[in-house]
Amino acid sequence: MQALGAELIYRIFGIIALIVGYFLLIYLIGHATFEGVITVAIYGGILIGLPIFLLVRRDKKIAKKEKTSEKIRSALNINNETEEDELYGEAVVVVREAGKASTSYLQRKLRIGYSRAARLIDMLEERGVIGQGEGANPREVLSQNTKE
């Protein structure tokens, strides 16, 4: 949305610059003076330079936000790679013993929060320990010998 707004402003100012430049050029043809040339230069610079300034400023803000979010991710140690959870082994044992797996079941048995339990369920599914979710029903354990 923000990028669209800047592009729209750029186009509007571009059209205004063309119209003003056209009328100033007509004026200069009849009144070729030094002041007229300076007027065209000033208006042209403002009308063309302002949208460019706004776009550069927007890009700097976006870059700053991206840097900030990268710093936050690195501070929180959030990576796209799957990291081994300390409770993964315990989760495998609990799920295999019960013969079923659900986020709420892991929460109760391992005494952890929803986010961590959901991540563990995702890891168990990715590694083939449990099957895909089927709505509100618990997931089935696929095999007892699946590599951890």
N, C-alpha and C. Protein backbone atom coordinates (compact mmCIF):
# COMPACT_ATOMS: atom_id res chain seq x y z
N MET A 1 0.83 -1.18 0.00
CA MET A 1 0.00 0.00 0.00
C MET A 1 0.87 1.24 0.00
N GLN A 2 1.92 1.23 0.81
CA GLN A 2 2.79 2.39 0.92
C GLN A 2 3.53 2.63 -0.39
N ALA A 3 3.98 1.56 -1.04
CA ALA A 3 4.69 1.70 -2.31
C ALA A 3 3.76 2.25 -3.37
N LEU A 4 2.50 1.81 -3.36
CA LEU A 4 1.53 2.29 -4.33
C LEU A 4 1.31 3.78 -4.15
N GLY A 5 1.25 4.25 -2.91
CA GLY A 5 1.06 5.67 -2.63
C GLY A 5 2.20 6.51 -3.16
N ALA A 6 3.43 6.05 -2.99
CA ALA A 6 4.59 6.80 -3.47
C ALA A 6 4.61 6.84 -5.00
N GLU A 7 4.26 5.74 -5.64
CA GLU A 7 4.22 5.72 -7.10
C GLU A 7 3.15 6.65 -7.63
N LEU A 8 2.01 6.69 -6.96
CA LEU A 8 0.93 7.57 -7.36
C LEU A 8 1.36 9.03 -7.23
N ILE A 9 2.00 9.36 -6.13
CA ILE A 9 2.50 10.73 -5.93
C ILE A 9 3.50 11.08 -7.03
N TYR A 10 4.38 10.15 -7.35
CA TYR A 10 5.38 10.38 -8.39
C TYR A 10 4.71 10.67 -9.73
N ARG A 11 3.69 9.90 -10.07
CA ARG A 11 3.00 10.11 -11.34
C ARG A 11 2.26 11.44 -11.36
N ILE A 12 1.59 11.77 -10.26
CA ILE A 12 0.86 13.04 -10.20
C ILE A 12 1.82 14.21 -10.36
N PHE A 13 2.93 14.19 -9.63
CA PHE A 13 3.89 15.27 -9.75
C PHE A 13 4.51 15.32 -11.14
N GLY A 14 4.70 14.16 -11.75
CA GLY A 14 5.22 14.13 -13.11
C GLY A 14 4.29 14.80 -14.09
N ILE A 15 2.99 14.53 -13.96
CA ILE A 15 2.00 15.16 -14.84
C ILE A 15 1.95 16.66 -14.60
N ILE A 16 1.96 17.05 -13.32
CA ILE A 16 1.95 18.49 -13.00
C ILE A 16 3.19 19.16 -13.57
N ALA A 17 4.34 18.50 -13.46
CA ALA A 17 5.58 19.08 -14.00
C ALA A 17 5.48 19.28 -15.50
N LEU A 18 4.90 18.31 -16.20
CA LEU A 18 4.75 18.46 -17.65
C LEU A 18 3.83 19.62 -18.00
N ILE A 19 2.70 19.74 -17.29
CA ILE A 19 1.75 20.82 -17.58
C ILE A 19 2.37 22.18 -17.28
N VAL A 20 2.96 22.32 -16.10
CA VAL A 20 3.58 23.60 -15.72
C VAL A 20 4.73 23.92 -16.67
N GLY A 21 5.54 22.91 -16.99
CA GLY A 21 6.64 23.13 -17.91
C GLY A 21 6.17 23.58 -19.27
N TYR A 22 5.08 22.99 -19.75
CA TYR A 22 4.52 23.36 -21.05
C TYR A 22 4.08 24.83 -21.05
N PHE A 23 3.32 25.23 -20.01
CA PHE A 23 2.85 26.61 -19.94
C PHE A 23 4.01 27.59 -19.74
N LEU A 24 5.00 27.21 -18.97
CA LEU A 24 6.15 28.09 -18.79
C LEU A 24 6.95 28.23 -20.08
N LEU A 25 7.03 27.16 -20.85
CA LEU A 25 7.72 27.22 -22.13
C LEU A 25 7.00 28.16 -23.08
N ILE A 26 5.67 28.08 -23.10
CA ILE A 26 4.89 29.01 -23.93
C ILE A 26 5.12 30.44 -23.47
N TYR A 27 5.17 30.65 -22.17
CA TYR A 27 5.41 31.98 -21.62
C TYR A 27 6.79 32.48 -22.05
N LEU A 28 7.79 31.59 -21.98
CA LEU A 28 9.15 32.00 -22.31
C LEU A 28 9.33 32.35 -23.79
N ILE A 29 8.55 31.69 -24.64
CA ILE A 29 8.66 32.00 -26.06
C ILE A 29 8.35 33.46 -26.30
N GLY A 30 7.35 33.98 -25.63
CA GLY A 30 6.98 35.39 -25.79
C GLY A 30 7.79 36.33 -24.92
N HIS A 31 8.29 35.87 -23.80
CA HIS A 31 9.00 36.72 -22.84
C HIS A 31 10.32 36.07 -22.45
N ALA A 32 11.21 35.92 -23.38
CA ALA A 32 12.49 35.26 -23.11
C ALA A 32 13.37 36.16 -22.26
N THR A 33 13.27 35.96 -20.94
CA THR A 33 14.09 36.74 -20.02
C THR A 33 14.84 35.78 -19.11
N PHE A 34 15.80 36.33 -18.41
CA PHE A 34 16.58 35.53 -17.47
C PHE A 34 15.69 35.00 -16.34
N GLU A 35 14.76 35.86 -15.86
CA GLU A 35 13.85 35.46 -14.78
C GLU A 35 12.98 34.28 -15.21
N GLY A 36 12.57 34.28 -16.46
CA GLY A 36 11.74 33.19 -16.97
C GLY A 36 12.49 31.87 -16.97
N VAL A 37 13.74 31.91 -17.38
CA VAL A 37 14.56 30.70 -17.39
C VAL A 37 14.76 30.19 -15.97
N ILE A 38 15.01 31.09 -15.04
CA ILE A 38 15.19 30.71 -13.63
C ILE A 38 13.89 30.11 -13.10
N THR A 39 12.74 30.68 -13.45
CA THR A 39 11.44 30.17 -13.00
C THR A 39 11.23 28.74 -13.47
N VAL A 40 11.53 28.47 -14.74
CA VAL A 40 11.38 27.12 -15.27
C VAL A 40 12.30 26.15 -14.53
N ALA A 41 13.53 26.58 -14.30
CA ALA A 41 14.50 25.73 -13.61
C ALA A 41 14.03 25.40 -12.20
N ILE A 42 13.51 26.40 -11.48
CA ILE A 42 13.07 26.19 -10.10
C ILE A 42 11.85 25.27 -10.06
N TYR A 43 10.81 25.60 -10.83
CA TYR A 43 9.60 24.77 -10.83
C TYR A 43 9.90 23.35 -11.32
N GLY A 44 10.68 23.24 -12.35
CA GLY A 44 11.03 21.91 -12.86
C GLY A 44 11.79 21.10 -11.83
N GLY A 45 12.73 21.74 -11.14
CA GLY A 45 13.50 21.05 -10.10
C GLY A 45 12.64 20.58 -8.95
N ILE A 46 11.72 21.45 -8.53
CA ILE A 46 10.85 21.09 -7.41
C ILE A 46 9.88 19.99 -7.81
N LEU A 47 9.23 20.14 -8.95
CA LEU A 47 8.19 19.20 -9.33
C LEU A 47 8.75 17.84 -9.72
N ILE A 48 9.96 17.78 -10.21
CA ILE A 48 10.55 16.50 -10.57
C ILE A 48 11.36 15.94 -9.40
N GLY A 49 12.01 16.80 -8.66
CA GLY A 49 12.86 16.35 -7.56
C GLY A 49 12.10 15.88 -6.34
N LEU A 50 10.95 16.47 -6.06
CA LEU A 50 10.18 16.11 -4.86
C LEU A 50 9.73 14.65 -4.87
N PRO A 51 9.13 14.16 -5.95
CA PRO A 51 8.74 12.74 -5.92
C PRO A 51 9.93 11.80 -5.80
N ILE A 52 11.03 12.15 -6.42
CA ILE A 52 12.23 11.33 -6.31
C ILE A 52 12.71 11.31 -4.87
N PHE A 53 12.70 12.48 -4.24
CA PHE A 53 13.07 12.59 -2.83
C PHE A 53 12.17 11.71 -1.97
N LEU A 54 10.85 11.74 -2.25
CA LEU A 54 9.90 10.94 -1.47
C LEU A 54 10.14 9.45 -1.66
N LEU A 55 10.43 9.03 -2.90
CA LEU A 55 10.70 7.62 -3.15
C LEU A 55 11.97 7.14 -2.46
N VAL A 56 13.01 7.95 -2.51
CA VAL A 56 14.27 7.59 -1.85
C VAL A 56 14.06 7.51 -0.34
N ARG A 57 13.32 8.46 0.19
CA ARG A 57 13.04 8.47 1.63
C ARG A 57 12.26 7.22 2.03
N ARG A 58 11.26 6.84 1.20
CA ARG A 58 10.48 5.63 1.47
C ARG A 58 11.38 4.39 1.45
N ASP A 59 12.26 4.32 0.45
CA ASP A 59 13.15 3.16 0.36
C ASP A 59 14.09 3.08 1.55
N LYS A 60 14.54 4.23 2.04
CA LYS A 60 15.40 4.23 3.23
C LYS A 60 14.64 3.74 4.45
N LYS A 61 13.37 4.14 4.57
CA LYS A 61 12.56 3.68 5.71
C LYS A 61 12.36 2.17 5.65
N ILE A 62 12.09 1.66 4.44
CA ILE A 62 11.88 0.22 4.28
C ILE A 62 13.16 -0.53 4.62
N ALA A 63 14.30 -0.03 4.14
CA ALA A 63 15.57 -0.68 4.44
C ALA A 63 15.86 -0.66 5.94
N LYS A 64 15.52 0.44 6.59
CA LYS A 64 15.73 0.55 8.03
C LYS A 64 14.87 -0.45 8.79
N LYS A 65 13.61 -0.62 8.35
CA LYS A 65 12.72 -1.59 8.98
C LYS A 65 13.25 -3.01 8.79
N GLU A 66 13.75 -3.30 7.59
CA GLU A 66 14.29 -4.63 7.33
C GLU A 66 15.51 -4.90 8.20
N LYS A 67 16.39 -3.90 8.34
CA LYS A 67 17.56 -4.07 9.21
C LYS A 67 17.13 -4.33 10.64
N THR A 68 16.13 -3.56 11.10
CA THR A 68 15.64 -3.72 12.46
C THR A 68 15.06 -5.11 12.67
N SER A 69 14.27 -5.58 11.71
CA SER A 69 13.67 -6.91 11.87
C SER A 69 14.74 -8.01 11.82
N GLU A 70 15.80 -7.80 11.02
CA GLU A 70 16.90 -8.76 11.00
C GLU A 70 17.62 -8.80 12.35
N LYS A 71 17.82 -7.62 12.94
CA LYS A 71 18.47 -7.55 14.25
C LYS A 71 17.62 -8.25 15.30
N ILE A 72 16.31 -8.04 15.23
CA ILE A 72 15.42 -8.68 16.20
C ILE A 72 15.46 -10.19 16.03
N ARG A 73 15.42 -10.68 14.76
CA ARG A 73 15.47 -12.12 14.52
C ARG A 73 16.77 -12.72 15.05
N SER A 74 17.88 -12.02 14.79
CA SER A 74 19.16 -12.56 15.25
C SER A 74 19.25 -12.51 16.78
N ALA A 75 18.67 -11.48 17.39
CA ALA A 75 18.68 -11.40 18.85
C ALA A 75 17.84 -12.51 19.47
N LEU A 76 16.73 -12.84 18.83
CA LEU A 76 15.87 -13.90 19.34
C LEU A 76 16.29 -15.27 18.85
N ASN A 77 17.32 -15.30 17.98
CA ASN A 77 17.85 -16.54 17.41
C ASN A 77 16.78 -17.31 16.66
N ILE A 78 16.03 -16.58 15.81
CA ILE A 78 15.01 -17.19 14.99
C ILE A 78 15.60 -17.41 13.61
N ASN A 79 15.67 -18.66 13.19
CA ASN A 79 16.21 -19.01 11.88
C ASN A 79 15.15 -19.75 11.09
N ASN A 80 15.31 -19.77 9.78
CA ASN A 80 14.41 -20.54 8.94
C ASN A 80 14.72 -22.02 9.02
N GLU A 81 15.92 -22.36 9.46
CA GLU A 81 16.30 -23.75 9.59
C GLU A 81 15.59 -24.37 10.79
N THR A 82 15.30 -25.65 10.68
CA THR A 82 14.67 -26.35 11.78
C THR A 82 15.73 -26.65 12.84
N GLU A 83 15.50 -26.16 14.03
CA GLU A 83 16.44 -26.40 15.12
C GLU A 83 15.89 -27.53 15.99
N GLU A 84 16.77 -28.26 16.57
CA GLU A 84 16.38 -29.36 17.46
C GLU A 84 15.89 -28.78 18.78
N ASP A 85 14.69 -29.16 19.16
CA ASP A 85 14.13 -28.73 20.44
C ASP A 85 14.62 -29.70 21.50
N GLU A 86 14.88 -29.18 22.69
CA GLU A 86 15.37 -30.03 23.80
C GLU A 86 14.35 -31.11 24.15
N LEU A 87 13.08 -30.81 23.99
CA LEU A 87 12.02 -31.74 24.37
C LEU A 87 11.59 -32.67 23.23
N TYR A 88 12.27 -32.61 22.09
CA TYR A 88 11.85 -33.43 20.95
C TYR A 88 11.87 -34.92 21.29
N GLY A 89 12.94 -35.38 21.90
CA GLY A 89 13.05 -36.79 22.28
C GLY A 89 11.94 -37.22 23.22
N GLU A 90 11.66 -36.37 24.22
CA GLU A 90 10.58 -36.67 25.15
C GLU A 90 9.23 -36.69 24.44
N ALA A 91 9.05 -35.77 23.48
CA ALA A 91 7.80 -35.71 22.73
C ALA A 91 7.60 -36.99 21.93
N VAL A 92 8.65 -37.52 21.34
CA VAL A 92 8.56 -38.77 20.57
C VAL A 92 8.13 -39.90 21.49
N VAL A 93 8.75 -39.99 22.67
CA VAL A 93 8.42 -41.05 23.62
C VAL A 93 6.96 -40.93 24.07
N VAL A 94 6.53 -39.73 24.43
CA VAL A 94 5.16 -39.50 24.91
C VAL A 94 4.15 -39.87 23.83
N VAL A 95 4.42 -39.46 22.60
CA VAL A 95 3.50 -39.72 21.49
C VAL A 95 3.42 -41.21 21.19
N ARG A 96 4.56 -41.88 21.19
CA ARG A 96 4.57 -43.32 20.89
C ARG A 96 3.87 -44.12 21.99
N GLU A 97 4.07 -43.71 23.25
CA GLU A 97 3.41 -44.41 24.35
C GLU A 97 1.89 -44.26 24.28
N ALA A 98 1.45 -43.06 23.92
CA ALA A 98 0.01 -42.79 23.88
C ALA A 98 -0.63 -43.31 22.60
N GLY A 99 0.13 -43.43 21.55
CA GLY A 99 -0.42 -43.86 20.27
C GLY A 99 -1.19 -42.77 19.56
N LYS A 100 -1.12 -41.55 20.07
CA LYS A 100 -1.80 -40.42 19.45
C LYS A 100 -0.98 -39.16 19.73
N ALA A 101 -1.25 -38.13 18.96
CA ALA A 101 -0.51 -36.88 19.15
C ALA A 101 -1.42 -35.69 18.88
N SER A 102 -1.38 -34.74 19.78
CA SER A 102 -2.08 -33.46 19.57
C SER A 102 -1.32 -32.40 20.34
N THR A 103 -1.53 -31.18 19.94
CA THR A 103 -0.85 -30.07 20.59
C THR A 103 -1.24 -29.99 22.06
N SER A 104 -2.53 -30.12 22.33
CA SER A 104 -2.98 -30.01 23.73
C SER A 104 -2.45 -31.17 24.58
N TYR A 105 -2.32 -32.36 23.97
CA TYR A 105 -1.79 -33.51 24.71
C TYR A 105 -0.34 -33.26 25.10
N LEU A 106 0.45 -32.75 24.14
CA LEU A 106 1.86 -32.43 24.46
C LEU A 106 1.95 -31.33 25.51
N GLN A 107 1.05 -30.36 25.44
CA GLN A 107 1.05 -29.29 26.44
C GLN A 107 0.87 -29.86 27.85
N ARG A 108 -0.09 -30.76 27.98
CA ARG A 108 -0.37 -31.33 29.30
C ARG A 108 0.76 -32.22 29.79
N LYS A 109 1.23 -33.11 28.92
CA LYS A 109 2.23 -34.10 29.34
C LYS A 109 3.61 -33.49 29.57
N LEU A 110 3.99 -32.52 28.72
CA LEU A 110 5.33 -31.93 28.85
C LEU A 110 5.33 -30.61 29.61
N ARG A 111 4.14 -30.15 29.96
CA ARG A 111 3.98 -28.89 30.70
C ARG A 111 4.67 -27.73 29.97
N ILE A 112 4.23 -27.53 28.73
CA ILE A 112 4.78 -26.45 27.90
C ILE A 112 3.63 -25.64 27.32
N GLY A 113 3.96 -24.51 26.71
CA GLY A 113 2.96 -23.64 26.11
C GLY A 113 2.53 -24.11 24.73
N TYR A 114 1.51 -23.45 24.22
CA TYR A 114 0.95 -23.84 22.94
C TYR A 114 1.95 -23.71 21.80
N SER A 115 2.67 -22.60 21.73
CA SER A 115 3.60 -22.36 20.62
C SER A 115 4.65 -23.46 20.51
N ARG A 116 5.22 -23.80 21.65
CA ARG A 116 6.27 -24.82 21.64
C ARG A 116 5.69 -26.19 21.29
N ALA A 117 4.51 -26.49 21.82
CA ALA A 117 3.86 -27.77 21.51
C ALA A 117 3.53 -27.85 20.02
N ALA A 118 3.07 -26.75 19.45
CA ALA A 118 2.74 -26.73 18.02
C ALA A 118 4.00 -26.94 17.18
N ARG A 119 5.11 -26.30 17.59
CA ARG A 119 6.38 -26.50 16.87
C ARG A 119 6.81 -27.96 16.96
N LEU A 120 6.66 -28.57 18.13
CA LEU A 120 7.03 -29.98 18.28
C LEU A 120 6.16 -30.88 17.40
N ILE A 121 4.87 -30.59 17.33
CA ILE A 121 3.98 -31.36 16.46
C ILE A 121 4.43 -31.22 15.00
N ASP A 122 4.77 -30.01 14.59
CA ASP A 122 5.26 -29.79 13.22
C ASP A 122 6.54 -30.58 12.95
N MET A 123 7.45 -30.59 13.93
CA MET A 123 8.70 -31.34 13.77
C MET A 123 8.43 -32.84 13.68
N LEU A 124 7.52 -33.33 14.52
CA LEU A 124 7.18 -34.75 14.49
C LEU A 124 6.57 -35.14 13.14
N GLU A 125 5.74 -34.27 12.60
CA GLU A 125 5.14 -34.54 11.29
C GLU A 125 6.18 -34.51 10.17
N GLU A 126 7.07 -33.51 10.20
CA GLU A 126 8.11 -33.39 9.17
C GLU A 126 9.03 -34.61 9.16
N ARG A 127 9.29 -35.16 10.33
CA ARG A 127 10.23 -36.28 10.44
C ARG A 127 9.53 -37.63 10.33
N GLY A 128 8.22 -37.63 10.06
CA GLY A 128 7.51 -38.87 9.79
C GLY A 128 7.12 -39.68 11.01
N VAL A 129 7.13 -39.09 12.18
CA VAL A 129 6.74 -39.82 13.39
C VAL A 129 5.22 -39.90 13.47
N ILE A 130 4.54 -38.81 13.09
CA ILE A 130 3.08 -38.77 13.14
C ILE A 130 2.54 -38.39 11.77
N GLY A 131 1.24 -38.64 11.57
CA GLY A 131 0.60 -38.31 10.30
C GLY A 131 0.10 -36.87 10.29
N GLN A 132 -0.56 -36.53 9.19
CA GLN A 132 -1.10 -35.18 9.05
C GLN A 132 -2.32 -35.01 9.94
N GLY A 133 -2.59 -33.74 10.27
CA GLY A 133 -3.75 -33.45 11.10
C GLY A 133 -5.04 -33.62 10.33
N GLU A 134 -6.07 -34.07 11.03
CA GLU A 134 -7.40 -34.25 10.43
C GLU A 134 -8.41 -33.50 11.28
N GLY A 135 -8.38 -32.21 11.20
CA GLY A 135 -9.32 -31.40 11.98
C GLY A 135 -8.98 -31.42 13.45
N ALA A 136 -10.01 -31.66 14.29
CA ALA A 136 -9.82 -31.64 15.74
C ALA A 136 -9.37 -32.99 16.30
N ASN A 137 -9.33 -34.03 15.46
CA ASN A 137 -8.92 -35.36 15.94
C ASN A 137 -7.42 -35.42 16.18
N PRO A 138 -7.01 -36.25 17.14
CA PRO A 138 -5.57 -36.42 17.37
C PRO A 138 -4.90 -37.09 16.16
N ARG A 139 -3.65 -36.83 15.97
CA ARG A 139 -2.91 -37.43 14.85
C ARG A 139 -2.47 -38.84 15.23
N GLU A 140 -2.39 -39.68 14.23
CA GLU A 140 -1.97 -41.05 14.50
C GLU A 140 -0.44 -41.16 14.42
N VAL A 141 0.10 -42.09 15.21
CA VAL A 141 1.53 -42.37 15.19
C VAL A 141 1.77 -43.32 14.03
N LEU A 142 2.69 -42.95 13.13
CA LEU A 142 2.88 -43.74 11.90
C LEU A 142 3.67 -45.02 12.14
N SER A 143 4.80 -44.94 12.84
CA SER A 143 5.58 -46.15 13.09
C SER A 143 6.37 -45.99 14.37
N GLN A 144 6.65 -47.10 14.97
CA GLN A 144 7.44 -47.09 16.21
C GLN A 144 8.92 -47.02 15.95
N ASN A 145 9.37 -47.35 14.74
CA ASN A 145 10.80 -47.42 14.43
C ASN A 145 11.28 -46.24 13.60
N THR A 146 10.54 -45.16 13.54
CA THR A 146 10.93 -44.02 12.71
C THR A 146 12.16 -43.36 13.28
N LYS A 147 13.08 -43.02 12.40
CA LYS A 147 14.34 -42.40 12.81
C LYS A 147 14.06 -41.04 13.44
N GLU A 148 14.64 -40.80 14.58
CA GLU A 148 14.40 -39.55 15.31
C GLU A 148 15.31 -38.48 14.82
